[in-house]
Amino acid sequence: MTRLKRCTVVFLAAVMTGTPAFAQTGGERVVRLVVPFAPGGSTDLVARLVADKVSKTLGQPVIVENRAGAGGHVGSAFVAKARPDGTTLLLNGTGPFAISMAAKMSLTYDPIKDLKPVGTLTRLPNVVTVNASLPVTSIAELVTYGKANPEKLNYGMSAVGNLSHLYAEMFRLAAGIKLVGVAYKGSGPLLTGLIGGSIQVAFDNLPPYLPHIQSGKIRALAVTSAKRSALLPDVPALAEVGFPGFDHAAWFGIWGPSGLPDADVKRFNAAFSKAIQEPEVMQQLLRSGIEPAVSTPEELGVRLKNEHDQFVQVIKDAAIKLE
């Protein structure tokens, strides 16, 4: 078979299967970085900030592909079932995997068996905020107020069973207070409810809350991660103020199909870790409330397992019913 015919066969096979074969320049295979959410969110932002940097390090094109649906599971399943040939990767948070497994949701793939950790990239802390009219200025005062006013404090969740819900219940159980959960359809309505006073407390992602904290419309009491956020250096971590070991944030990492060779895992881990620590990337991330947090593949795997175990426990202890 002539070289022209061989190239034609490869090209036609790629078109028919929807799988990229080789980039038209350099003969290098294209790496698809799948984001399992619609464009514009935090996961998509991270992917687009690092894709070009990783491409330059690897010497091959890296393209971001959005495959949204089912809370991130459509795109994740796509990667889990992809060929482990180093051309398909996933950028997702540990939370959706850990929550779905803890709730025993029916999935078409197993996040632990069918996906191979490459490494953590970033974390997105949640912040404990209160309505500005609530007479509390610290976590200690919030706990005291909650004990003196059982079931009179409402906290908001951006969706039942997501991190804003589970973290609030973890805090409530650890503090020994009674809070009433109110479900909203997203962080936007939740934030509006907090500012307006329909709810008094929230445990949501930091970025959309930051300008309202700075303006004084709401008050930040603590962050849920083990360390303080660079964006709120004067706001303590919960672990500092009576909740030792409380270390919860939205962690984002890279995965490949389960059969991805160890050599590729090592290569991708080095390239993505280098990209996320580029000064201009770090600056853009921090402006968005996202913190660089690279790790080994093993550490990402351990984090996912730990989150799963913690979520199983809080779902049981708080008698949370998830559909």
C-alpha atoms as a PDB file:
ATOM      1  CA  MET A   1       0.000   0.000   0.000  1.00  0.00           C
ATOM      2  CA  THR A   2       1.391   3.388  -0.927  1.00  0.00           C
ATOM      3  CA  ARG A   3       2.014   6.097   1.658  1.00  0.00           C
ATOM      4  CA  LEU A   4      -0.830   8.198   0.195  1.00  0.00           C
ATOM      5  CA  LYS A   5      -3.265   5.318   0.491  1.00  0.00           C
ATOM      6  CA  ARG A   6      -2.180   4.554   4.074  1.00  0.00           C
ATOM      7  CA  CYS A   7      -2.732   8.200   5.070  1.00  0.00           C
ATOM      8  CA  THR A   8      -6.137   8.163   3.378  1.00  0.00           C
ATOM      9  CA  VAL A   9      -7.195   5.053   5.308  1.00  0.00           C
ATOM     10  CA  VAL A  10      -6.115   6.578   8.644  1.00  0.00           C
ATOM     11  CA  PHE A  11      -7.951   9.806   7.898  1.00  0.00           C
ATOM     12  CA  LEU A  12     -11.173   8.058   6.835  1.00  0.00           C
ATOM     13  CA  ALA A  13     -11.090   5.820   9.908  1.00  0.00           C
ATOM     14  CA  ALA A  14     -10.770   8.869  12.142  1.00  0.00           C
ATOM     15  CA  VAL A  15     -13.707  10.588  10.449  1.00  0.00           C
ATOM     16  CA  MET A  16     -15.937   7.518  10.678  1.00  0.00           C
ATOM     17  CA  THR A  17     -15.196   6.787  14.346  1.00  0.00           C
ATOM     18  CA  GLY A  18     -14.985  10.371  15.561  1.00  0.00           C
ATOM     19  CA  THR A  19     -11.527   9.615  16.989  1.00  0.00           C
ATOM     20  CA  PRO A  20      -8.693  12.024  16.164  1.00  0.00           C
ATOM     21  CA  ALA A  21      -5.856  10.313  14.349  1.00  0.00           C
ATOM     22  CA  PHE A  22      -2.903  12.639  13.793  1.00  0.00           C
ATOM     23  CA  ALA A  23      -2.583  16.389  13.785  1.00  0.00           C
ATOM     24  CA  GLN A  24      -2.023  17.765  10.331  1.00  0.00           C
ATOM     25  CA  THR A  25       1.224  19.404  11.454  1.00  0.00           C
ATOM     26  CA  GLY A  26       4.119  17.482  12.903  1.00  0.00           C
ATOM     27  CA  GLY A  27       2.445  14.074  12.644  1.00  0.00           C
ATOM     28  CA  GLU A  28       1.729  14.112  16.403  1.00  0.00           C
ATOM     29  CA  ARG A  29      -1.377  12.613  17.899  1.00  0.00           C
ATOM     30  CA  VAL A  30      -3.960  15.027  19.279  1.00  0.00           C
ATOM     31  CA  VAL A  31      -4.747  14.757  22.999  1.00  0.00           C
ATOM     32  CA  ARG A  32      -8.374  15.422  23.851  1.00  0.00           C
ATOM     33  CA  LEU A  33      -8.838  16.955  27.295  1.00  0.00           C
ATOM     34  CA  VAL A  34     -12.479  16.249  28.077  1.00  0.00           C
ATOM     35  CA  VAL A  35     -14.354  18.663  30.358  1.00  0.00           C
ATOM     36  CA  PRO A  36     -17.637  17.004  31.405  1.00  0.00           C
ATOM     37  CA  PHE A  37     -19.447  20.326  31.819  1.00  0.00           C
ATOM     38  CA  ALA A  38     -20.586  23.167  29.582  1.00  0.00           C
ATOM     39  CA  PRO A  39     -18.117  25.936  28.678  1.00  0.00           C
ATOM     40  CA  GLY A  40     -17.701  28.803  31.123  1.00  0.00           C
ATOM     41  CA  GLY A  41     -17.440  27.031  34.476  1.00  0.00           C
ATOM     42  CA  SER A  42     -14.458  26.586  36.782  1.00  0.00           C
ATOM     43  CA  THR A  43     -13.470  23.215  35.304  1.00  0.00           C
ATOM     44  CA  ASP A  44     -13.571  24.604  31.778  1.00  0.00           C
ATOM     45  CA  LEU A  45     -11.522  27.637  32.844  1.00  0.00           C
ATOM     46  CA  VAL A  46      -8.752  25.458  34.267  1.00  0.00           C
ATOM     47  CA  ALA A  47      -8.702  23.267  31.163  1.00  0.00           C
ATOM     48  CA  ARG A  48      -8.367  26.189  28.762  1.00  0.00           C
ATOM     49  CA  LEU A  49      -5.672  27.871  30.852  1.00  0.00           C
ATOM     50  CA  VAL A  50      -3.421  24.811  30.830  1.00  0.00           C
ATOM     51  CA  ALA A  51      -4.135  23.186  27.445  1.00  0.00           C
ATOM     52  CA  ASP A  52      -1.735  25.332  25.407  1.00  0.00           C
ATOM     53  CA  LYS A  53       1.011  25.084  28.043  1.00  0.00           C
ATOM     54  CA  VAL A  54       0.699  21.294  28.180  1.00  0.00           C
ATOM     55  CA  SER A  55       0.708  21.146  24.389  1.00  0.00           C
ATOM     56  CA  LYS A  56       4.036  22.962  24.241  1.00  0.00           C
ATOM     57  CA  THR A  57       5.568  20.721  26.894  1.00  0.00           C
ATOM     58  CA  LEU A  58       4.392  17.501  25.252  1.00  0.00           C
ATOM     59  CA  GLY A  59       5.098  18.663  21.733  1.00  0.00           C
ATOM     60  CA  GLN A  60       1.646  17.599  20.563  1.00  0.00           C
ATOM     61  CA  PRO A  61      -1.723  19.370  20.282  1.00  0.00           C
ATOM     62  CA  VAL A  62      -4.023  19.376  23.322  1.00  0.00           C
ATOM     63  CA  ILE A  63      -7.621  20.376  22.620  1.00  0.00           C
ATOM     64  CA  VAL A  64     -10.399  20.982  25.149  1.00  0.00           C
ATOM     65  CA  GLU A  65     -13.613  19.117  24.398  1.00  0.00           C
ATOM     66  CA  ASN A  66     -16.814  19.816  26.394  1.00  0.00           C
ATOM     67  CA  ARG A  67     -19.067  16.788  26.892  1.00  0.00           C
ATOM     68  CA  ALA A  68     -21.693  17.933  29.376  1.00  0.00           C
ATOM     69  CA  GLY A  69     -24.550  15.980  30.907  1.00  0.00           C
ATOM     70  CA  ALA A  70     -25.702  14.039  33.982  1.00  0.00           C
ATOM     71  CA  GLY A  71     -23.718  16.154  36.438  1.00  0.00           C
ATOM     72  CA  GLY A  72     -20.431  15.436  34.697  1.00  0.00           C
ATOM     73  CA  HIS A  73     -20.938  11.712  34.215  1.00  0.00           C
ATOM     74  CA  VAL A  74     -21.510  11.746  30.444  1.00  0.00           C
ATOM     75  CA  GLY A  75     -18.028  13.089  29.730  1.00  0.00           C
ATOM     76  CA  SER A  76     -16.468  10.972  32.472  1.00  0.00           C
ATOM     77  CA  ALA A  77     -18.016   7.793  31.062  1.00  0.00           C
ATOM     78  CA  PHE A  78     -16.734   8.743  27.612  1.00  0.00           C
ATOM     79  CA  VAL A  79     -13.154   8.862  28.899  1.00  0.00           C
ATOM     80  CA  ALA A  80     -13.580   5.714  30.991  1.00  0.00           C
ATOM     81  CA  LYS A  81     -14.532   3.809  27.835  1.00  0.00           C
ATOM     82  CA  ALA A  82     -11.928   5.406  25.568  1.00  0.00           C
ATOM     83  CA  ARG A  83      -8.863   3.601  24.291  1.00  0.00           C
ATOM     84  CA  PRO A  84      -5.986   3.918  26.784  1.00  0.00           C
ATOM     85  CA  ASP A  85      -3.632   5.149  24.087  1.00  0.00           C
ATOM     86  CA  GLY A  86      -2.770   8.541  25.557  1.00  0.00           C
ATOM     87  CA  THR A  87      -5.139  10.533  23.326  1.00  0.00           C
ATOM     88  CA  THR A  88      -8.059  10.996  25.752  1.00  0.00           C
ATOM     89  CA  LEU A  89      -7.918  12.557  29.223  1.00  0.00           C
ATOM     90  CA  LEU A  90     -10.500  13.857  31.684  1.00  0.00           C
ATOM     91  CA  LEU A  91     -10.450  16.984  33.850  1.00  0.00           C
ATOM     92  CA  ASN A  92     -13.004  16.656  36.624  1.00  0.00           C
ATOM     93  CA  GLY A  93     -13.492  17.150  40.346  1.00  0.00           C
ATOM     94  CA  THR A  94     -13.254  14.409  42.943  1.00  0.00           C
ATOM     95  CA  GLY A  95     -16.587  15.537  44.426  1.00  0.00           C
ATOM     96  CA  PRO A  96     -18.932  14.281  41.674  1.00  0.00           C
ATOM     97  CA  PHE A  97     -17.240  10.862  41.727  1.00  0.00           C
ATOM     98  CA  ALA A  98     -17.204  10.550  45.519  1.00  0.00           C
ATOM     99  CA  ILE A  99     -20.798  11.729  45.917  1.00  0.00           C
ATOM    100  CA  SER A 100     -22.198   9.452  43.203  1.00  0.00           C
ATOM    101  CA  MET A 101     -20.432   6.414  44.678  1.00  0.00           C
ATOM    102  CA  ALA A 102     -21.443   7.304  48.238  1.00  0.00           C
ATOM    103  CA  ALA A 103     -25.063   7.699  47.150  1.00  0.00           C
ATOM    104  CA  LYS A 104     -24.856   4.414  45.231  1.00  0.00           C
ATOM    105  CA  MET A 105     -26.030   6.050  42.035  1.00  0.00           C
ATOM    106  CA  SER A 106     -26.351   3.856  38.969  1.00  0.00           C
ATOM    107  CA  LEU A 107     -23.488   4.733  36.609  1.00  0.00           C
ATOM    108  CA  THR A 108     -22.348   3.185  33.348  1.00  0.00           C
ATOM    109  CA  TYR A 109     -18.764   3.151  34.615  1.00  0.00           C
ATOM    110  CA  ASP A 110     -16.836   2.782  37.878  1.00  0.00           C
ATOM    111  CA  PRO A 111     -14.855   5.963  38.705  1.00  0.00           C
ATOM    112  CA  ILE A 112     -12.237   3.943  40.586  1.00  0.00           C
ATOM    113  CA  LYS A 113     -11.913   0.854  38.385  1.00  0.00           C
ATOM    114  CA  ASP A 114     -12.414   2.471  34.979  1.00  0.00           C
ATOM    115  CA  LEU A 115     -10.411   5.688  35.416  1.00  0.00           C
ATOM    116  CA  LYS A 116      -6.713   6.033  36.263  1.00  0.00           C
ATOM    117  CA  PRO A 117      -5.547   9.039  38.328  1.00  0.00           C
ATOM    118  CA  VAL A 118      -2.908  11.260  36.734  1.00  0.00           C
ATOM    119  CA  GLY A 119      -2.748  13.968  39.394  1.00  0.00           C
ATOM    120  CA  THR A 120      -4.480  16.852  41.132  1.00  0.00           C
ATOM    121  CA  LEU A 121      -4.302  20.308  39.553  1.00  0.00           C
ATOM    122  CA  THR A 122      -6.333  22.765  41.614  1.00  0.00           C
ATOM    123  CA  ARG A 123      -8.622  23.190  44.558  1.00  0.00           C
ATOM    124  CA  LEU A 124     -11.585  25.500  45.045  1.00  0.00           C
ATOM    125  CA  PRO A 125     -12.348  26.192  48.735  1.00  0.00           C
ATOM    126  CA  ASN A 126     -15.847  26.670  50.027  1.00  0.00           C
ATOM    127  CA  VAL A 127     -16.449  29.604  52.326  1.00  0.00           C
ATOM    128  CA  VAL A 128     -18.750  29.798  55.341  1.00  0.00           C
ATOM    129  CA  THR A 129     -20.714  33.026  54.977  1.00  0.00           C
ATOM    130  CA  VAL A 130     -23.597  34.609  56.860  1.00  0.00           C
ATOM    131  CA  ASN A 131     -26.100  37.326  56.150  1.00  0.00           C
ATOM    132  CA  ALA A 132     -24.696  40.675  57.275  1.00  0.00           C
ATOM    133  CA  SER A 133     -27.585  41.238  59.692  1.00  0.00           C
ATOM    134  CA  LEU A 134     -26.909  38.035  61.653  1.00  0.00           C
ATOM    135  CA  PRO A 135     -25.267  39.029  64.971  1.00  0.00           C
ATOM    136  CA  VAL A 136     -22.245  36.746  64.617  1.00  0.00           C
ATOM    137  CA  THR A 137     -18.708  37.602  63.511  1.00  0.00           C
ATOM    138  CA  SER A 138     -16.907  34.304  64.078  1.00  0.00           C
ATOM    139  CA  ILE A 139     -17.433  30.540  63.900  1.00  0.00           C
ATOM    140  CA  ALA A 140     -17.524  30.380  67.709  1.00  0.00           C
ATOM    141  CA  GLU A 141     -20.330  32.937  67.777  1.00  0.00           C
ATOM    142  CA  LEU A 142     -22.177  31.061  65.019  1.00  0.00           C
ATOM    143  CA  VAL A 143     -22.049  27.852  67.063  1.00  0.00           C
ATOM    144  CA  THR A 144     -23.194  29.676  70.205  1.00  0.00           C
ATOM    145  CA  TYR A 145     -26.043  31.351  68.308  1.00  0.00           C
ATOM    146  CA  GLY A 146     -27.058  28.053  66.727  1.00  0.00           C
ATOM    147  CA  LYS A 147     -27.231  26.290  70.079  1.00  0.00           C
ATOM    148  CA  ALA A 148     -29.268  29.125  71.576  1.00  0.00           C
ATOM    149  CA  ASN A 149     -31.626  29.182  68.588  1.00  0.00           C
ATOM    150  CA  PRO A 150     -32.118  25.565  67.488  1.00  0.00           C
ATOM    151  CA  GLU A 151     -33.614  25.161  63.986  1.00  0.00           C
ATOM    152  CA  LYS A 152     -33.888  28.946  63.556  1.00  0.00           C
ATOM    153  CA  LEU A 153     -30.850  29.179  61.304  1.00  0.00           C
ATOM    154  CA  ASN A 154     -31.396  28.271  57.651  1.00  0.00           C
ATOM    155  CA  TYR A 155     -28.493  27.310  55.433  1.00  0.00           C
ATOM    156  CA  GLY A 156     -28.673  27.210  51.668  1.00  0.00           C
ATOM    157  CA  MET A 157     -27.449  24.525  49.295  1.00  0.00           C
ATOM    158  CA  SER A 158     -26.999  25.047  45.567  1.00  0.00           C
ATOM    159  CA  ALA A 159     -28.353  21.533  44.981  1.00  0.00           C
ATOM    160  CA  VAL A 160     -29.359  18.610  47.164  1.00  0.00           C
ATOM    161  CA  GLY A 161     -26.419  16.282  47.660  1.00  0.00           C
ATOM    162  CA  ASN A 162     -23.678  18.541  46.339  1.00  0.00           C
ATOM    163  CA  LEU A 163     -20.682  19.905  48.249  1.00  0.00           C
ATOM    164  CA  SER A 164     -22.522  22.967  49.614  1.00  0.00           C
ATOM    165  CA  HIS A 165     -25.008  20.546  51.186  1.00  0.00           C
ATOM    166  CA  LEU A 166     -22.615  17.883  52.474  1.00  0.00           C
ATOM    167  CA  TYR A 167     -20.112  20.352  53.927  1.00  0.00           C
ATOM    168  CA  ALA A 168     -22.895  22.146  55.787  1.00  0.00           C
ATOM    169  CA  GLU A 169     -24.058  18.862  57.280  1.00  0.00           C
ATOM    170  CA  MET A 170     -20.500  17.899  58.232  1.00  0.00           C
ATOM    171  CA  PHE A 171     -20.162  21.217  60.046  1.00  0.00           C
ATOM    172  CA  ARG A 172     -23.583  20.924  61.688  1.00  0.00           C
ATOM    173  CA  LEU A 173     -22.837  17.448  63.030  1.00  0.00           C
ATOM    174  CA  ALA A 174     -19.368  18.447  64.275  1.00  0.00           C
ATOM    175  CA  ALA A 175     -20.714  21.599  65.946  1.00  0.00           C
ATOM    176  CA  GLY A 176     -23.687  19.858  67.515  1.00  0.00           C
ATOM    177  CA  ILE A 177     -26.207  22.435  66.307  1.00  0.00           C
ATOM    178  CA  LYS A 178     -29.479  22.217  64.415  1.00  0.00           C
ATOM    179  CA  LEU A 179     -29.640  23.962  61.056  1.00  0.00           C
ATOM    180  CA  VAL A 180     -32.401  23.811  58.468  1.00  0.00           C
ATOM    181  CA  GLY A 181     -31.338  23.196  54.868  1.00  0.00           C
ATOM    182  CA  VAL A 182     -32.970  25.072  51.992  1.00  0.00           C
ATOM    183  CA  ALA A 183     -32.345  23.833  48.444  1.00  0.00           C
ATOM    184  CA  TYR A 184     -31.798  26.251  45.557  1.00  0.00           C
ATOM    185  CA  LYS A 185     -31.232  25.694  41.856  1.00  0.00           C
ATOM    186  CA  GLY A 186     -27.640  26.843  41.643  1.00  0.00           C
ATOM    187  CA  SER A 187     -25.241  29.176  43.424  1.00  0.00           C
ATOM    188  CA  GLY A 188     -26.787  32.308  41.898  1.00  0.00           C
ATOM    189  CA  PRO A 189     -30.205  31.954  43.542  1.00  0.00           C
ATOM    190  CA  LEU A 190     -28.539  30.733  46.728  1.00  0.00           C
ATOM    191  CA  LEU A 191     -26.372  33.842  46.914  1.00  0.00           C
ATOM    192  CA  THR A 192     -29.411  36.053  46.293  1.00  0.00           C
ATOM    193  CA  GLY A 193     -31.229  34.302  49.137  1.00  0.00           C
ATOM    194  CA  LEU A 194     -28.287  34.838  51.481  1.00  0.00           C
ATOM    195  CA  ILE A 195     -27.958  38.541  50.673  1.00  0.00           C
ATOM    196  CA  GLY A 196     -31.710  39.040  50.973  1.00  0.00           C
ATOM    197  CA  GLY A 197     -31.960  37.201  54.293  1.00  0.00           C
ATOM    198  CA  SER A 198     -34.138  34.260  53.217  1.00  0.00           C
ATOM    199  CA  ILE A 199     -31.333  32.104  54.575  1.00  0.00           C
ATOM    200  CA  GLN A 200     -28.700  33.057  57.113  1.00  0.00           C
ATOM    201  CA  VAL A 201     -25.759  30.743  56.333  1.00  0.00           C
ATOM    202  CA  ALA A 202     -24.063  29.218  53.269  1.00  0.00           C
ATOM    203  CA  PHE A 203     -21.142  26.838  52.690  1.00  0.00           C
ATOM    204  CA  ASP A 204     -20.663  27.442  48.970  1.00  0.00           C
ATOM    205  CA  ASN A 205     -17.743  27.904  46.530  1.00  0.00           C
ATOM    206  CA  LEU A 206     -15.803  31.105  47.165  1.00  0.00           C
ATOM    207  CA  PRO A 207     -15.597  32.906  43.758  1.00  0.00           C
ATOM    208  CA  PRO A 208     -19.158  34.263  43.336  1.00  0.00           C
ATOM    209  CA  TYR A 209     -19.278  35.305  46.999  1.00  0.00           C
ATOM    210  CA  LEU A 210     -16.015  37.243  47.042  1.00  0.00           C
ATOM    211  CA  PRO A 211     -17.248  40.641  45.741  1.00  0.00           C
ATOM    212  CA  HIS A 212     -20.186  40.573  48.161  1.00  0.00           C
ATOM    213  CA  ILE A 213     -17.862  39.738  51.051  1.00  0.00           C
ATOM    214  CA  GLN A 214     -15.658  42.656  50.059  1.00  0.00           C
ATOM    215  CA  SER A 215     -18.663  45.005  49.805  1.00  0.00           C
ATOM    216  CA  GLY A 216     -19.971  43.958  53.222  1.00  0.00           C
ATOM    217  CA  LYS A 217     -23.280  42.539  51.964  1.00  0.00           C
ATOM    218  CA  ILE A 218     -22.353  39.189  53.509  1.00  0.00           C
ATOM    219  CA  ARG A 219     -19.775  38.184  56.104  1.00  0.00           C
ATOM    220  CA  ALA A 220     -17.136  35.450  55.725  1.00  0.00           C
ATOM    221  CA  LEU A 221     -16.438  33.451  58.877  1.00  0.00           C
ATOM    222  CA  ALA A 222     -14.127  30.674  57.655  1.00  0.00           C
ATOM    223  CA  VAL A 223     -13.028  28.581  54.691  1.00  0.00           C
ATOM    224  CA  THR A 224     -13.554  24.826  54.622  1.00  0.00           C
ATOM    225  CA  SER A 225     -10.078  23.880  53.360  1.00  0.00           C
ATOM    226  CA  ALA A 226      -7.209  23.069  55.733  1.00  0.00           C
ATOM    227  CA  LYS A 227      -5.401  26.313  54.923  1.00  0.00           C
ATOM    228  CA  ARG A 228      -6.563  29.875  54.450  1.00  0.00           C
ATOM    229  CA  SER A 229      -7.372  31.141  50.974  1.00  0.00           C
ATOM    230  CA  ALA A 230      -4.967  33.615  49.389  1.00  0.00           C
ATOM    231  CA  LEU A 231      -8.019  35.682  48.437  1.00  0.00           C
ATOM    232  CA  LEU A 232      -9.202  35.895  52.059  1.00  0.00           C
ATOM    233  CA  PRO A 233      -5.983  35.883  54.102  1.00  0.00           C
ATOM    234  CA  ASP A 234      -7.695  37.317  57.187  1.00  0.00           C
ATOM    235  CA  VAL A 235     -10.429  34.645  57.218  1.00  0.00           C
ATOM    236  CA  PRO A 236      -9.426  31.523  59.187  1.00  0.00           C
ATOM    237  CA  ALA A 237      -9.781  27.914  58.119  1.00  0.00           C
ATOM    238  CA  LEU A 238     -12.301  25.879  60.102  1.00  0.00           C
ATOM    239  CA  ALA A 239      -9.412  23.695  61.277  1.00  0.00           C
ATOM    240  CA  GLU A 240      -7.993  26.763  63.062  1.00  0.00           C
ATOM    241  CA  VAL A 241     -11.163  27.603  64.978  1.00  0.00           C
ATOM    242  CA  GLY A 242     -12.254  24.473  66.746  1.00  0.00           C
ATOM    243  CA  PHE A 243     -12.695  21.971  63.898  1.00  0.00           C
ATOM    244  CA  PRO A 244      -9.345  20.144  63.615  1.00  0.00           C
ATOM    245  CA  GLY A 245      -9.035  17.929  60.570  1.00  0.00           C
ATOM    246  CA  PHE A 246     -11.772  19.751  58.670  1.00  0.00           C
ATOM    247  CA  ASP A 247     -10.242  19.861  55.192  1.00  0.00           C
ATOM    248  CA  HIS A 248     -12.832  19.991  52.441  1.00  0.00           C
ATOM    249  CA  ALA A 249     -12.662  21.707  49.078  1.00  0.00           C
ATOM    250  CA  ALA A 250     -13.563  21.064  45.472  1.00  0.00           C
ATOM    251  CA  TRP A 251     -10.478  19.288  44.107  1.00  0.00           C
ATOM    252  CA  PHE A 252      -9.904  19.056  40.348  1.00  0.00           C
ATOM    253  CA  GLY A 253      -7.630  16.522  38.734  1.00  0.00           C
ATOM    254  CA  ILE A 254      -6.702  14.665  35.577  1.00  0.00           C
ATOM    255  CA  TRP A 255      -7.714  11.083  34.827  1.00  0.00           C
ATOM    256  CA  GLY A 256      -7.215   8.737  31.902  1.00  0.00           C
ATOM    257  CA  PRO A 257      -8.778   5.398  30.965  1.00  0.00           C
ATOM    258  CA  SER A 258      -7.860   2.606  33.392  1.00  0.00           C
ATOM    259  CA  GLY A 259      -5.392   0.997  31.006  1.00  0.00           C
ATOM    260  CA  LEU A 260      -3.325   4.142  30.469  1.00  0.00           C
ATOM    261  CA  PRO A 261       0.340   3.093  30.619  1.00  0.00           C
ATOM    262  CA  ASP A 262       2.326   4.243  33.643  1.00  0.00           C
ATOM    263  CA  ALA A 263       4.795   5.981  31.345  1.00  0.00           C
ATOM    264  CA  ASP A 264       1.989   8.150  29.952  1.00  0.00           C
ATOM    265  CA  VAL A 265       0.694   8.860  33.480  1.00  0.00           C
ATOM    266  CA  LYS A 266       4.144  10.090  34.499  1.00  0.00           C
ATOM    267  CA  ARG A 267       4.505  12.163  31.335  1.00  0.00           C
ATOM    268  CA  PHE A 268       1.095  13.804  31.679  1.00  0.00           C
ATOM    269  CA  ASN A 269       1.521  14.422  35.410  1.00  0.00           C
ATOM    270  CA  ALA A 270       4.770  16.296  34.784  1.00  0.00           C
ATOM    271  CA  ALA A 271       3.303  18.344  31.913  1.00  0.00           C
ATOM    272  CA  PHE A 272       0.114  19.385  33.719  1.00  0.00           C
ATOM    273  CA  SER A 273       1.949  20.103  36.984  1.00  0.00           C
ATOM    274  CA  LYS A 274       4.374  22.344  35.116  1.00  0.00           C
ATOM    275  CA  ALA A 275       1.533  24.143  33.305  1.00  0.00           C
ATOM    276  CA  ILE A 276      -0.525  24.851  36.424  1.00  0.00           C
ATOM    277  CA  GLN A 277       2.503  26.408  38.138  1.00  0.00           C
ATOM    278  CA  GLU A 278       3.331  28.822  35.332  1.00  0.00           C
ATOM    279  CA  PRO A 279       3.195  32.348  36.873  1.00  0.00           C
ATOM    280  CA  GLU A 280       0.595  33.710  34.438  1.00  0.00           C
ATOM    281  CA  VAL A 281      -1.609  30.627  34.905  1.00  0.00           C
ATOM    282  CA  MET A 282      -1.372  30.874  38.687  1.00  0.00           C
ATOM    283  CA  GLN A 283      -2.298  34.556  38.601  1.00  0.00           C
ATOM    284  CA  GLN A 284      -5.373  33.955  36.467  1.00  0.00           C
ATOM    285  CA  LEU A 285      -6.465  31.054  38.654  1.00  0.00           C
ATOM    286  CA  LEU A 286      -6.103  33.037  41.870  1.00  0.00           C
ATOM    287  CA  ARG A 287      -8.067  35.945  40.405  1.00  0.00           C
ATOM    288  CA  SER A 288     -10.870  33.433  39.824  1.00  0.00           C
ATOM    289  CA  GLY A 289     -10.687  32.067  43.362  1.00  0.00           C
ATOM    290  CA  ILE A 290      -9.034  28.812  42.289  1.00  0.00           C
ATOM    291  CA  GLU A 291      -5.805  27.652  43.931  1.00  0.00           C
ATOM    292  CA  PRO A 292      -3.041  25.579  42.288  1.00  0.00           C
ATOM    293  CA  ALA A 293      -2.661  22.260  44.110  1.00  0.00           C
ATOM    294  CA  VAL A 294      -0.631  19.669  42.231  1.00  0.00           C
ATOM    295  CA  SER A 295      -0.185  16.110  43.464  1.00  0.00           C
ATOM    296  CA  THR A 296       1.017  12.656  42.484  1.00  0.00           C
ATOM    297  CA  PRO A 297      -1.370  10.143  40.886  1.00  0.00           C
ATOM    298  CA  GLU A 298      -1.354   8.157  44.118  1.00  0.00           C
ATOM    299  CA  GLU A 299      -2.380  11.177  46.201  1.00  0.00           C
ATOM    300  CA  LEU A 300      -5.302  11.891  43.876  1.00  0.00           C
ATOM    301  CA  GLY A 301      -6.473   8.293  44.217  1.00  0.00           C
ATOM    302  CA  VAL A 302      -6.241   8.443  48.018  1.00  0.00           C
ATOM    303  CA  ARG A 303      -8.132  11.743  48.109  1.00  0.00           C
ATOM    304  CA  LEU A 304     -10.991  10.291  46.080  1.00  0.00           C
ATOM    305  CA  LYS A 305     -11.243   7.276  48.375  1.00  0.00           C
ATOM    306  CA  ASN A 306     -11.138   9.449  51.506  1.00  0.00           C
ATOM    307  CA  GLU A 307     -13.860  11.757  50.185  1.00  0.00           C
ATOM    308  CA  HIS A 308     -16.005   8.756  49.323  1.00  0.00           C
ATOM    309  CA  ASP A 309     -15.656   7.381  52.867  1.00  0.00           C
ATOM    310  CA  GLN A 310     -16.430  10.779  54.419  1.00  0.00           C
ATOM    311  CA  PHE A 311     -19.503  11.277  52.256  1.00  0.00           C
ATOM    312  CA  VAL A 312     -20.794   7.785  53.060  1.00  0.00           C
ATOM    313  CA  GLN A 313     -20.518   8.682  56.736  1.00  0.00           C
ATOM    314  CA  VAL A 314     -22.220  12.094  56.540  1.00  0.00           C
ATOM    315  CA  ILE A 315     -25.044  10.751  54.346  1.00  0.00           C
ATOM    316  CA  LYS A 316     -25.650   8.086  56.978  1.00  0.00           C
ATOM    317  CA  ASP A 317     -25.263  10.291  60.054  1.00  0.00           C
ATOM    318  CA  ALA A 318     -27.401  13.135  58.682  1.00  0.00           C
ATOM    319  CA  ALA A 319     -29.953  10.743  57.150  1.00  0.00           C
ATOM    320  CA  ILE A 320     -29.621  12.457  53.770  1.00  0.00           C
ATOM    321  CA  LYS A 321     -31.777  10.985  51.034  1.00  0.00           C
ATOM    322  CA  LEU A 322     -30.327  11.289  47.571  1.00  0.00           C
ATOM    323  CA  GLU A 323     -32.155  10.261  44.406  1.00  0.00           C
END
